[in-house]
């Protein structure tokens, strides 16, 4: 599991297990996905996602929940 705390423009925190290495490209993909859909900024969301740097098989789930209007708490679950 990996946890990201992000804003519209920056990454505040990345916490995860040592087995998971996330690249900058994967983080950019996550930010683009979240901030390109306004509905993801308003409610809790579960979205299937493929991050090539984490898993080439594509068995990832992204949970997104925004605590305030510009700060989000986002978790990636790997199945």
PDB file of N, CA and C in Angstrom:
ATOM      1  N   UNK A   1       0.839  -1.170   0.000  1.00  0.00           N
ATOM      2  CA  UNK A   1       0.000   0.000   0.000  1.00  0.00           C
ATOM      3  C   UNK A   1       0.887   1.236   0.000  1.00  0.00           C
ATOM      4  N   UNK A   2       0.399   2.254  -0.656  1.00  0.00           N
ATOM      5  CA  UNK A   2       1.124   3.508  -0.777  1.00  0.00           C
ATOM      6  C   UNK A   2       0.155   4.645  -0.499  1.00  0.00           C
ATOM      7  N   UNK A   3       0.570   5.628   0.249  1.00  0.00           N
ATOM      8  CA  UNK A   3      -0.266   6.772   0.571  1.00  0.00           C
ATOM      9  C   UNK A   3       0.401   8.040   0.070  1.00  0.00           C
ATOM     10  N   UNK A   4      -0.373   8.861  -0.622  1.00  0.00           N
ATOM     11  CA  UNK A   4       0.103  10.157  -1.090  1.00  0.00           C
ATOM     12  C   UNK A   4      -0.779  11.240  -0.496  1.00  0.00           C
ATOM     13  N   UNK A   5      -0.180  12.298  -0.027  1.00  0.00           N
ATOM     14  CA  UNK A   5      -0.926  13.495   0.330  1.00  0.00           C
ATOM     15  C   UNK A   5      -0.473  14.555  -0.662  1.00  0.00           C
ATOM     16  N   UNK A   6      -1.422  15.031  -1.447  1.00  0.00           N
ATOM     17  CA  UNK A   6      -1.082  15.945  -2.542  1.00  0.00           C
ATOM     18  C   UNK A   6      -1.982  17.168  -2.545  1.00  0.00           C
ATOM     19  N   UNK A   7      -1.500  18.226  -3.168  1.00  0.00           N
ATOM     20  CA  UNK A   7      -2.299  19.407  -3.472  1.00  0.00           C
ATOM     21  C   UNK A   7      -2.339  19.537  -4.989  1.00  0.00           C
ATOM     22  N   UNK A   8      -2.941  20.585  -5.461  1.00  0.00           N
ATOM     23  CA  UNK A   8      -2.996  20.785  -6.911  1.00  0.00           C
ATOM     24  C   UNK A   8      -1.619  20.900  -7.543  1.00  0.00           C
ATOM     25  N   UNK A   9      -0.641  21.363  -6.780  1.00  0.00           N
ATOM     26  CA  UNK A   9       0.655  21.666  -7.373  1.00  0.00           C
ATOM     27  C   UNK A   9       1.845  20.952  -6.757  1.00  0.00           C
ATOM     28  N   UNK A  10       1.657  20.287  -5.627  1.00  0.00           N
ATOM     29  CA  UNK A  10       2.808  19.665  -4.999  1.00  0.00           C
ATOM     30  C   UNK A  10       2.434  18.408  -4.232  1.00  0.00           C
ATOM     31  N   UNK A  11       3.445  17.601  -3.974  1.00  0.00           N
ATOM     32  CA  UNK A  11       3.297  16.400  -3.177  1.00  0.00           C
ATOM     33  C   UNK A  11       3.766  16.739  -1.782  1.00  0.00           C
ATOM     34  N   UNK A  12       2.896  16.553  -0.811  1.00  0.00           N
ATOM     35  CA  UNK A  12       3.216  16.889   0.566  1.00  0.00           C
ATOM     36  C   UNK A  12       3.915  15.716   1.242  1.00  0.00           C
ATOM     37  N   UNK A  13       3.419  14.492   0.988  1.00  0.00           N
ATOM     38  CA  UNK A  13       3.967  13.331   1.667  1.00  0.00           C
ATOM     39  C   UNK A  13       3.754  12.074   0.832  1.00  0.00           C
ATOM     40  N   UNK A  14       4.718  11.174   0.889  1.00  0.00           N
ATOM     41  CA  UNK A  14       4.612   9.851   0.287  1.00  0.00           C
ATOM     42  C   UNK A  14       5.029   8.849   1.355  1.00  0.00           C
ATOM     43  N   UNK A  15       4.126   7.931   1.675  1.00  0.00           N
ATOM     44  CA  UNK A  15       4.410   6.910   2.679  1.00  0.00           C
ATOM     45  C   UNK A  15       3.996   5.568   2.099  1.00  0.00           C
ATOM     46  N   UNK A  16       4.855   4.573   2.231  1.00  0.00           N
ATOM     47  CA  UNK A  16       4.502   3.256   1.723  1.00  0.00           C
ATOM     48  C   UNK A  16       5.471   2.190   2.168  1.00  0.00           C
ATOM     49  N   UNK A  17       5.163   0.979   1.773  1.00  0.00           N
ATOM     50  CA  UNK A  17       6.036  -0.131   2.116  1.00  0.00           C
ATOM     51  C   UNK A  17       7.323  -0.055   1.302  1.00  0.00           C
ATOM     52  N   UNK A  18       8.361  -0.685   1.795  1.00  0.00           N
ATOM     53  CA  UNK A  18       9.655  -0.626   1.130  1.00  0.00           C
ATOM     54  C   UNK A  18       9.681  -1.422  -0.171  1.00  0.00           C
ATOM     55  N   UNK A  19       8.725  -2.334  -0.356  1.00  0.00           N
ATOM     56  CA  UNK A  19       8.689  -3.140  -1.570  1.00  0.00           C
ATOM     57  C   UNK A  19       8.194  -2.351  -2.778  1.00  0.00           C
ATOM     58  N   UNK A  20       7.494  -1.253  -2.526  1.00  0.00           N
ATOM     59  CA  UNK A  20       6.920  -0.463  -3.619  1.00  0.00           C
ATOM     60  C   UNK A  20       7.803   0.748  -3.879  1.00  0.00           C
ATOM     61  N   UNK A  21       8.255   0.870  -5.102  1.00  0.00           N
ATOM     62  CA  UNK A  21       9.011   2.049  -5.519  1.00  0.00           C
ATOM     63  C   UNK A  21       8.188   2.766  -6.576  1.00  0.00           C
ATOM     64  N   UNK A  22       7.789   3.968  -6.292  1.00  0.00           N
ATOM     65  CA  UNK A  22       6.973   4.730  -7.232  1.00  0.00           C
ATOM     66  C   UNK A  22       7.850   5.782  -7.894  1.00  0.00           C
ATOM     67  N   UNK A  23       7.697   5.921  -9.204  1.00  0.00           N
ATOM     68  CA  UNK A  23       8.513   6.878  -9.950  1.00  0.00           C
ATOM     69  C   UNK A  23       7.769   8.202 -10.103  1.00  0.00           C
ATOM     70  N   UNK A  24       8.491   9.207 -10.503  1.00  0.00           N
ATOM     71  CA  UNK A  24       7.884  10.523 -10.749  1.00  0.00           C
ATOM     72  C   UNK A  24       6.841  10.446 -11.849  1.00  0.00           C
ATOM     73  N   UNK A  25       7.067   9.597 -12.856  1.00  0.00           N
ATOM     74  CA  UNK A  25       6.093   9.443 -13.938  1.00  0.00           C
ATOM     75  C   UNK A  25       4.766   8.908 -13.414  1.00  0.00           C
ATOM     76  N   UNK A  26       4.826   7.960 -12.494  1.00  0.00           N
ATOM     77  CA  UNK A  26       3.610   7.394 -11.920  1.00  0.00           C
ATOM     78  C   UNK A  26       2.848   8.424 -11.097  1.00  0.00           C
ATOM     79  N   UNK A  27       3.561   9.245 -10.366  1.00  0.00           N
ATOM     80  CA  UNK A  27       2.910  10.290  -9.568  1.00  0.00           C
ATOM     81  C   UNK A  27       2.234  11.312 -10.478  1.00  0.00           C
ATOM     82  N   UNK A  28       2.871  11.656 -11.572  1.00  0.00           N
ATOM     83  CA  UNK A  28       2.265  12.585 -12.532  1.00  0.00           C
ATOM     84  C   UNK A  28       0.998  11.983 -13.130  1.00  0.00           C
ATOM     85  N   UNK A  29       1.007  10.679 -13.430  1.00  0.00           N
ATOM     86  CA  UNK A  29      -0.197  10.015 -13.931  1.00  0.00           C
ATOM     87  C   UNK A  29      -1.331  10.093 -12.912  1.00  0.00           C
ATOM     88  N   UNK A  30      -1.020   9.875 -11.641  1.00  0.00           N
ATOM     89  CA  UNK A  30      -2.039   9.947 -10.589  1.00  0.00           C
ATOM     90  C   UNK A  30      -2.607  11.362 -10.484  1.00  0.00           C
ATOM     91  N   UNK A  31      -1.733  12.352 -10.464  1.00  0.00           N
ATOM     92  CA  UNK A  31      -2.200  13.741 -10.380  1.00  0.00           C
ATOM     93  C   UNK A  31      -3.060  14.108 -11.577  1.00  0.00           C
ATOM     94  N   UNK A  32      -2.649  13.723 -12.778  1.00  0.00           N
ATOM     95  CA  UNK A  32      -3.446  14.027 -13.963  1.00  0.00           C
ATOM     96  C   UNK A  32      -4.810  13.373 -13.903  1.00  0.00           C
ATOM     97  N   UNK A  33      -4.862  12.135 -13.455  1.00  0.00           N
ATOM     98  CA  UNK A  33      -6.132  11.437 -13.336  1.00  0.00           C
ATOM     99  C   UNK A  33      -7.054  12.139 -12.347  1.00  0.00           C
ATOM    100  N   UNK A  34      -6.544  12.445 -11.177  1.00  0.00           N
ATOM    101  CA  UNK A  34      -7.379  13.047 -10.137  1.00  0.00           C
ATOM    102  C   UNK A  34      -7.845  14.446 -10.508  1.00  0.00           C
ATOM    103  N   UNK A  35      -6.946  15.280 -10.971  1.00  0.00           N
ATOM    104  CA  UNK A  35      -7.293  16.677 -11.200  1.00  0.00           C
ATOM    105  C   UNK A  35      -7.950  16.936 -12.554  1.00  0.00           C
ATOM    106  N   UNK A  36      -8.032  15.928 -13.406  1.00  0.00           N
ATOM    107  CA  UNK A  36      -8.734  16.121 -14.677  1.00  0.00           C
ATOM    108  C   UNK A  36     -10.222  15.774 -14.575  1.00  0.00           C
ATOM    109  N   UNK A  37     -10.634  15.148 -13.481  1.00  0.00           N
ATOM    110  CA  UNK A  37     -12.047  14.815 -13.261  1.00  0.00           C
ATOM    111  C   UNK A  37     -12.543  15.549 -12.022  1.00  0.00           C
ATOM    112  N   UNK A  38     -13.343  16.603 -12.182  1.00  0.00           N
ATOM    113  CA  UNK A  38     -13.826  17.375 -11.034  1.00  0.00           C
ATOM    114  C   UNK A  38     -14.593  16.530 -10.015  1.00  0.00           C
ATOM    115  N   UNK A  39     -15.245  15.478 -10.457  1.00  0.00           N
ATOM    116  CA  UNK A  39     -15.993  14.642  -9.514  1.00  0.00           C
ATOM    117  C   UNK A  39     -15.078  13.946  -8.520  1.00  0.00           C
ATOM    118  N   UNK A  40     -13.828  13.680  -8.898  1.00  0.00           N
ATOM    119  CA  UNK A  40     -12.886  13.041  -7.981  1.00  0.00           C
ATOM    120  C   UNK A  40     -12.447  13.993  -6.866  1.00  0.00           C
ATOM    121  N   UNK A  41     -12.633  15.288  -7.070  1.00  0.00           N
ATOM    122  CA  UNK A  41     -12.251  16.270  -6.065  1.00  0.00           C
ATOM    123  C   UNK A  41     -13.370  16.541  -5.063  1.00  0.00           C
ATOM    124  N   UNK A  42     -14.574  16.018  -5.347  1.00  0.00           N
ATOM    125  CA  UNK A  42     -15.726  16.314  -4.512  1.00  0.00           C
ATOM    126  C   UNK A  42     -16.181  15.146  -3.649  1.00  0.00           C
ATOM    127  N   UNK A  43     -15.889  13.934  -4.063  1.00  0.00           N
ATOM    128  CA  UNK A  43     -16.362  12.762  -3.340  1.00  0.00           C
ATOM    129  C   UNK A  43     -15.237  11.745  -3.179  1.00  0.00           C
ATOM    130  N   UNK A  44     -15.515  10.716  -2.422  1.00  0.00           N
ATOM    131  CA  UNK A  44     -14.585   9.596  -2.344  1.00  0.00           C
ATOM    132  C   UNK A  44     -14.716   8.779  -3.618  1.00  0.00           C
ATOM    133  N   UNK A  45     -13.609   8.290  -4.128  1.00  0.00           N
ATOM    134  CA  UNK A  45     -13.630   7.549  -5.388  1.00  0.00           C
ATOM    135  C   UNK A  45     -12.719   6.338  -5.316  1.00  0.00           C
ATOM    136  N   UNK A  46     -13.146   5.252  -5.959  1.00  0.00           N
ATOM    137  CA  UNK A  46     -12.315   4.071  -6.214  1.00  0.00           C
ATOM    138  C   UNK A  46     -12.184   3.962  -7.717  1.00  0.00           C
ATOM    139  N   UNK A  47     -10.951   3.935  -8.218  1.00  0.00           N
ATOM    140  CA  UNK A  47     -10.721   3.914  -9.659  1.00  0.00           C
ATOM    141  C   UNK A  47      -9.654   2.863  -9.971  1.00  0.00           C
ATOM    142  N   UNK A  48      -9.925   1.967 -10.937  1.00  0.00           N
ATOM    143  CA  UNK A  48      -8.858   1.076 -11.367  1.00  0.00           C
ATOM    144  C   UNK A  48      -7.806   1.870 -12.127  1.00  0.00           C
ATOM    145  N   UNK A  49      -6.549   1.560 -11.908  1.00  0.00           N
ATOM    146  CA  UNK A  49      -5.479   2.347 -12.516  1.00  0.00           C
ATOM    147  C   UNK A  49      -4.304   1.436 -12.860  1.00  0.00           C
ATOM    148  N   UNK A  50      -3.580   1.810 -13.883  1.00  0.00           N
ATOM    149  CA  UNK A  50      -2.368   1.091 -14.268  1.00  0.00           C
ATOM    150  C   UNK A  50      -1.197   2.056 -14.133  1.00  0.00           C
ATOM    151  N   UNK A  51      -0.262   1.701 -13.298  1.00  0.00           N
ATOM    152  CA  UNK A  51       0.966   2.480 -13.132  1.00  0.00           C
ATOM    153  C   UNK A  51       2.122   1.603 -13.571  1.00  0.00           C
ATOM    154  N   UNK A  52       2.674   1.835 -14.745  1.00  0.00           N
ATOM    155  CA  UNK A  52       3.723   0.962 -15.278  1.00  0.00           C
ATOM    156  C   UNK A  52       4.936   0.814 -14.369  1.00  0.00           C
ATOM    157  N   UNK A  53       5.265   1.839 -13.610  1.00  0.00           N
ATOM    158  CA  UNK A  53       6.425   1.756 -12.738  1.00  0.00           C
ATOM    159  C   UNK A  53       6.198   0.909 -11.500  1.00  0.00           C
ATOM    160  N   UNK A  54       4.936   0.697 -11.121  1.00  0.00           N
ATOM    161  CA  UNK A  54       4.614  -0.077  -9.923  1.00  0.00           C
ATOM    162  C   UNK A  54       4.231  -1.500 -10.285  1.00  0.00           C
ATOM    163  N   UNK A  55       3.320  -1.643 -11.260  1.00  0.00           N
ATOM    164  CA  UNK A  55       2.855  -2.968 -11.658  1.00  0.00           C
ATOM    165  C   UNK A  55       2.485  -2.947 -13.125  1.00  0.00           C
ATOM    166  N   UNK A  56       3.136  -3.773 -13.908  1.00  0.00           N
ATOM    167  CA  UNK A  56       2.824  -3.833 -15.341  1.00  0.00           C
ATOM    168  C   UNK A  56       1.549  -4.623 -15.605  1.00  0.00           C
ATOM    169  N   UNK A  57       1.047  -5.325 -14.593  1.00  0.00           N
ATOM    170  CA  UNK A  57      -0.162  -6.121 -14.764  1.00  0.00           C
ATOM    171  C   UNK A  57      -1.434  -5.305 -14.615  1.00  0.00           C
ATOM    172  N   UNK A  58      -1.376  -4.135 -14.022  1.00  0.00           N
ATOM    173  CA  UNK A  58      -2.521  -3.246 -13.949  1.00  0.00           C
ATOM    174  C   UNK A  58      -3.551  -3.615 -12.903  1.00  0.00           C
ATOM    175  N   UNK A  59      -3.167  -4.317 -11.851  1.00  0.00           N
ATOM    176  CA  UNK A  59      -4.116  -4.689 -10.813  1.00  0.00           C
ATOM    177  C   UNK A  59      -4.058  -3.714  -9.645  1.00  0.00           C
ATOM    178  N   UNK A  60      -4.231  -2.443  -9.927  1.00  0.00           N
ATOM    179  CA  UNK A  60      -4.152  -1.420  -8.888  1.00  0.00           C
ATOM    180  C   UNK A  60      -5.506  -0.743  -8.724  1.00  0.00           C
ATOM    181  N   UNK A  61      -5.787  -0.341  -7.506  1.00  0.00           N
ATOM    182  CA  UNK A  61      -6.984   0.438  -7.217  1.00  0.00           C
ATOM    183  C   UNK A  61      -6.535   1.735  -6.562  1.00  0.00           C
ATOM    184  N   UNK A  62      -7.066   2.852  -7.036  1.00  0.00           N
ATOM    185  CA  UNK A  62      -6.751   4.156  -6.468  1.00  0.00           C
ATOM    186  C   UNK A  62      -7.954   4.625  -5.668  1.00  0.00           C
ATOM    187  N   UNK A  63      -7.756   4.861  -4.396  1.00  0.00           N
ATOM    188  CA  UNK A  63      -8.787   5.444  -3.545  1.00  0.00           C
ATOM    189  C   UNK A  63      -8.432   6.905  -3.356  1.00  0.00           C
ATOM    190  N   UNK A  64      -9.378   7.788  -3.628  1.00  0.00           N
ATOM    191  CA  UNK A  64      -9.127   9.217  -3.531  1.00  0.00           C
ATOM    192  C   UNK A  64     -10.192   9.849  -2.648  1.00  0.00           C
ATOM    193  N   UNK A  65      -9.756  10.622  -1.682  1.00  0.00           N
ATOM    194  CA  UNK A  65     -10.665  11.331  -0.792  1.00  0.00           C
ATOM    195  C   UNK A  65     -10.037  12.676  -0.458  1.00  0.00           C
ATOM    196  N   UNK A  66     -10.743  13.751  -0.719  1.00  0.00           N
ATOM    197  CA  UNK A  66     -10.202  15.073  -0.444  1.00  0.00           C
ATOM    198  C   UNK A  66     -10.771  15.606   0.852  1.00  0.00           C
ATOM    199  N   UNK A  67      -9.866  15.970   1.764  1.00  0.00           N
ATOM    200  CA  UNK A  67     -10.256  16.435   3.085  1.00  0.00           C
ATOM    201  C   UNK A  67     -10.713  17.888   3.065  1.00  0.00           C
ATOM    202  N   UNK A  68     -10.086  18.692   2.252  1.00  0.00           N
ATOM    203  CA  UNK A  68     -10.455  20.088   2.068  1.00  0.00           C
ATOM    204  C   UNK A  68     -10.476  20.346   0.574  1.00  0.00           C
ATOM    205  N   UNK A  69     -10.750  21.564   0.180  1.00  0.00           N
ATOM    206  CA  UNK A  69     -10.903  21.841  -1.243  1.00  0.00           C
ATOM    207  C   UNK A  69      -9.617  21.648  -2.045  1.00  0.00           C
ATOM    208  N   UNK A  70      -8.443  21.802  -1.423  1.00  0.00           N
ATOM    209  CA  UNK A  70      -7.212  21.706  -2.200  1.00  0.00           C
ATOM    210  C   UNK A  70      -6.218  20.677  -1.673  1.00  0.00           C
ATOM    211  N   UNK A  71      -6.527  20.033  -0.569  1.00  0.00           N
ATOM    212  CA  UNK A  71      -5.603  19.030  -0.032  1.00  0.00           C
ATOM    213  C   UNK A  71      -6.283  17.677  -0.089  1.00  0.00           C
ATOM    214  N   UNK A  72      -5.594  16.698  -0.634  1.00  0.00           N
ATOM    215  CA  UNK A  72      -6.189  15.372  -0.755  1.00  0.00           C
ATOM    216  C   UNK A  72      -5.365  14.309  -0.069  1.00  0.00           C
ATOM    217  N   UNK A  73      -6.027  13.240   0.268  1.00  0.00           N
ATOM    218  CA  UNK A  73      -5.368  12.084   0.846  1.00  0.00           C
ATOM    219  C   UNK A  73      -5.661  10.925  -0.092  1.00  0.00           C
ATOM    220  N   UNK A  74      -4.661  10.402  -0.727  1.00  0.00           N
ATOM    221  CA  UNK A  74      -4.866   9.406  -1.771  1.00  0.00           C
ATOM    222  C   UNK A  74      -4.068   8.154  -1.472  1.00  0.00           C
ATOM    223  N   UNK A  75      -4.740   7.021  -1.602  1.00  0.00           N
ATOM    224  CA  UNK A  75      -4.108   5.734  -1.335  1.00  0.00           C
ATOM    225  C   UNK A  75      -4.127   4.892  -2.588  1.00  0.00           C
ATOM    226  N   UNK A  76      -3.077   4.143  -2.816  1.00  0.00           N
ATOM    227  CA  UNK A  76      -3.044   3.179  -3.911  1.00  0.00           C
ATOM    228  C   UNK A  76      -2.982   1.799  -3.279  1.00  0.00           C
ATOM    229  N   UNK A  77      -3.951   0.981  -3.619  1.00  0.00           N
ATOM    230  CA  UNK A  77      -3.962  -0.394  -3.132  1.00  0.00           C
ATOM    231  C   UNK A  77      -3.546  -1.303  -4.264  1.00  0.00           C
ATOM    232  N   UNK A  78      -2.627  -2.196  -4.015  1.00  0.00           N
ATOM    233  CA  UNK A  78      -2.161  -3.122  -5.023  1.00  0.00           C
ATOM    234  C   UNK A  78      -2.728  -4.494  -4.707  1.00  0.00           C
ATOM    235  N   UNK A  79      -3.454  -5.049  -5.652  1.00  0.00           N
ATOM    236  CA  UNK A  79      -4.045  -6.377  -5.498  1.00  0.00           C
ATOM    237  C   UNK A  79      -3.308  -7.374  -6.350  1.00  0.00           C
TER     238      UNK A  79
END
